[in-house]
C-alpha atoms as a PDB file:
ATOM      1  CA  MET A   1      18.869  25.302  35.625  1.00  0.00           C
ATOM      2  CA  SER A   2      15.861  27.450  35.086  1.00  0.00           C
ATOM      3  CA  SER A   3      12.203  25.812  34.990  1.00  0.00           C
ATOM      4  CA  ALA A   4       9.426  26.870  32.264  1.00  0.00           C
ATOM      5  CA  SER A   5       7.628  28.591  34.983  1.00  0.00           C
ATOM      6  CA  GLU A   6       9.415  31.424  37.232  1.00  0.00           C
ATOM      7  CA  LEU A   7       8.232  33.974  39.216  1.00  0.00           C
ATOM      8  CA  LYS A   8       9.346  37.491  38.685  1.00  0.00           C
ATOM      9  CA  PRO A   9      12.175  37.972  40.626  1.00  0.00           C
ATOM     10  CA  ASP A  10      11.535  41.802  41.562  1.00  0.00           C
ATOM     11  CA  ARG A  11       7.694  41.320  42.270  1.00  0.00           C
ATOM     12  CA  VAL A  12       8.649  38.480  44.769  1.00  0.00           C
ATOM     13  CA  TRP A  13      10.822  40.230  46.737  1.00  0.00           C
ATOM     14  CA  ASP A  14       8.577  42.979  47.146  1.00  0.00           C
ATOM     15  CA  VAL A  15       6.135  40.432  48.452  1.00  0.00           C
ATOM     16  CA  ALA A  16       8.443  38.994  51.206  1.00  0.00           C
ATOM     17  CA  HIS A  17       8.139  41.914  52.552  1.00  0.00           C
ATOM     18  CA  MET A  18       4.910  42.649  52.650  1.00  0.00           C
ATOM     19  CA  THR A  19       1.710  42.469  55.150  1.00  0.00           C
ATOM     20  CA  ILE A  20      -1.128  40.398  54.631  1.00  0.00           C
ATOM     21  CA  LYS A  21      -2.997  43.768  54.334  1.00  0.00           C
ATOM     22  CA  GLU A  22      -0.824  45.245  51.712  1.00  0.00           C
ATOM     23  CA  ILE A  23      -1.217  42.132  49.489  1.00  0.00           C
ATOM     24  CA  ARG A  24      -5.118  42.502  49.714  1.00  0.00           C
ATOM     25  CA  GLU A  25      -4.789  46.159  48.941  1.00  0.00           C
ATOM     26  CA  ALA A  26      -2.717  45.729  46.183  1.00  0.00           C
ATOM     27  CA  ALA A  27      -5.209  43.318  44.420  1.00  0.00           C
ATOM     28  CA  GLY A  28      -8.036  45.762  45.376  1.00  0.00           C
ATOM     29  CA  LEU A  29      -9.641  43.690  48.019  1.00  0.00           C
ATOM     30  CA  SER A  30     -11.752  43.972  50.945  1.00  0.00           C
ATOM     31  CA  GLN A  31     -11.378  41.472  53.645  1.00  0.00           C
ATOM     32  CA  ALA A  32     -14.559  39.580  52.821  1.00  0.00           C
ATOM     33  CA  MET A  33     -13.472  39.359  49.134  1.00  0.00           C
ATOM     34  CA  LEU A  34     -10.155  37.770  49.939  1.00  0.00           C
ATOM     35  CA  SER A  35     -11.906  35.455  52.453  1.00  0.00           C
ATOM     36  CA  ARG A  36     -14.308  34.105  49.451  1.00  0.00           C
ATOM     37  CA  ARG A  37     -11.219  33.921  47.069  1.00  0.00           C
ATOM     38  CA  LEU A  38      -9.419  31.646  49.176  1.00  0.00           C
ATOM     39  CA  ALA A  39     -12.002  30.116  50.845  1.00  0.00           C
ATOM     40  CA  ILE A  40     -11.461  30.456  54.324  1.00  0.00           C
ATOM     41  CA  PRO A  41     -12.780  32.395  57.332  1.00  0.00           C
ATOM     42  CA  GLN A  42     -13.286  36.368  56.983  1.00  0.00           C
ATOM     43  CA  SER A  43     -11.650  35.987  60.795  1.00  0.00           C
ATOM     44  CA  THR A  44      -8.406  34.107  59.454  1.00  0.00           C
ATOM     45  CA  ILE A  45      -7.234  37.240  57.307  1.00  0.00           C
ATOM     46  CA  ARG A  46      -8.915  39.051  60.061  1.00  0.00           C
ATOM     47  CA  ALA A  47      -6.377  37.380  62.797  1.00  0.00           C
ATOM     48  CA  TRP A  48      -3.396  37.243  60.085  1.00  0.00           C
ATOM     49  CA  GLU A  49      -3.235  41.051  59.750  1.00  0.00           C
ATOM     50  CA  ALA A  50      -3.719  41.541  63.109  1.00  0.00           C
ATOM     51  CA  GLY A  51      -0.363  40.144  63.567  1.00  0.00           C
ATOM     52  CA  GLU A  52      -1.181  36.241  64.507  1.00  0.00           C
ATOM     53  CA  GLU A  53       1.115  34.337  62.653  1.00  0.00           C
ATOM     54  CA  PHE A  54       1.119  32.137  59.717  1.00  0.00           C
ATOM     55  CA  PRO A  55       3.628  29.773  57.443  1.00  0.00           C
ATOM     56  CA  GLU A  56       5.531  32.119  55.424  1.00  0.00           C
ATOM     57  CA  TYR A  57       4.406  30.128  52.251  1.00  0.00           C
ATOM     58  CA  VAL A  58       0.914  32.036  52.462  1.00  0.00           C
ATOM     59  CA  ARG A  59       2.136  35.125  52.027  1.00  0.00           C
ATOM     60  CA  PHE A  60       3.044  34.049  48.647  1.00  0.00           C
ATOM     61  CA  MET A  61      -0.169  31.923  48.147  1.00  0.00           C
ATOM     62  CA  VAL A  62      -2.197  35.151  48.691  1.00  0.00           C
ATOM     63  CA  ALA A  63       0.008  36.927  46.506  1.00  0.00           C
ATOM     64  CA  LEU A  64      -0.390  34.300  43.557  1.00  0.00           C
ATOM     65  CA  LEU A  65      -4.475  34.073  43.961  1.00  0.00           C
ATOM     66  CA  THR A  66      -5.070  37.610  43.936  1.00  0.00           C
ATOM     67  CA  GLY A  67      -2.763  38.272  40.840  1.00  0.00           C
ATOM     68  CA  VAL A  68       0.065  40.353  42.730  1.00  0.00           C
ATOM     69  CA  ILE A  69       2.406  38.166  41.475  1.00  0.00           C
ATOM     70  CA  THR A  70       2.080  36.100  38.580  1.00  0.00           C
ATOM     71  CA  ILE A  71       3.985  33.048  37.328  1.00  0.00           C
ATOM     72  CA  SER A  72       5.365  33.787  33.639  1.00  0.00           C
ATOM     73  CA  SER A  73       6.217  31.514  30.999  1.00  0.00           C
END
């Protein structure tokens, strides 16, 4: 049973294999711009891009909030 809103499977698969930096660059954003968009410190973005661990959902949250993946109806 599918919900009314579904993620595009091919893009979700792509995002699952992308780094935060690749997602940010795909969205055309600088670290500062992404920091403002997510309302988190730029140092957090730098740490993620340098390899600091983060919960897996963050990768998808960043992709959704930057428009790299979308929810379609």
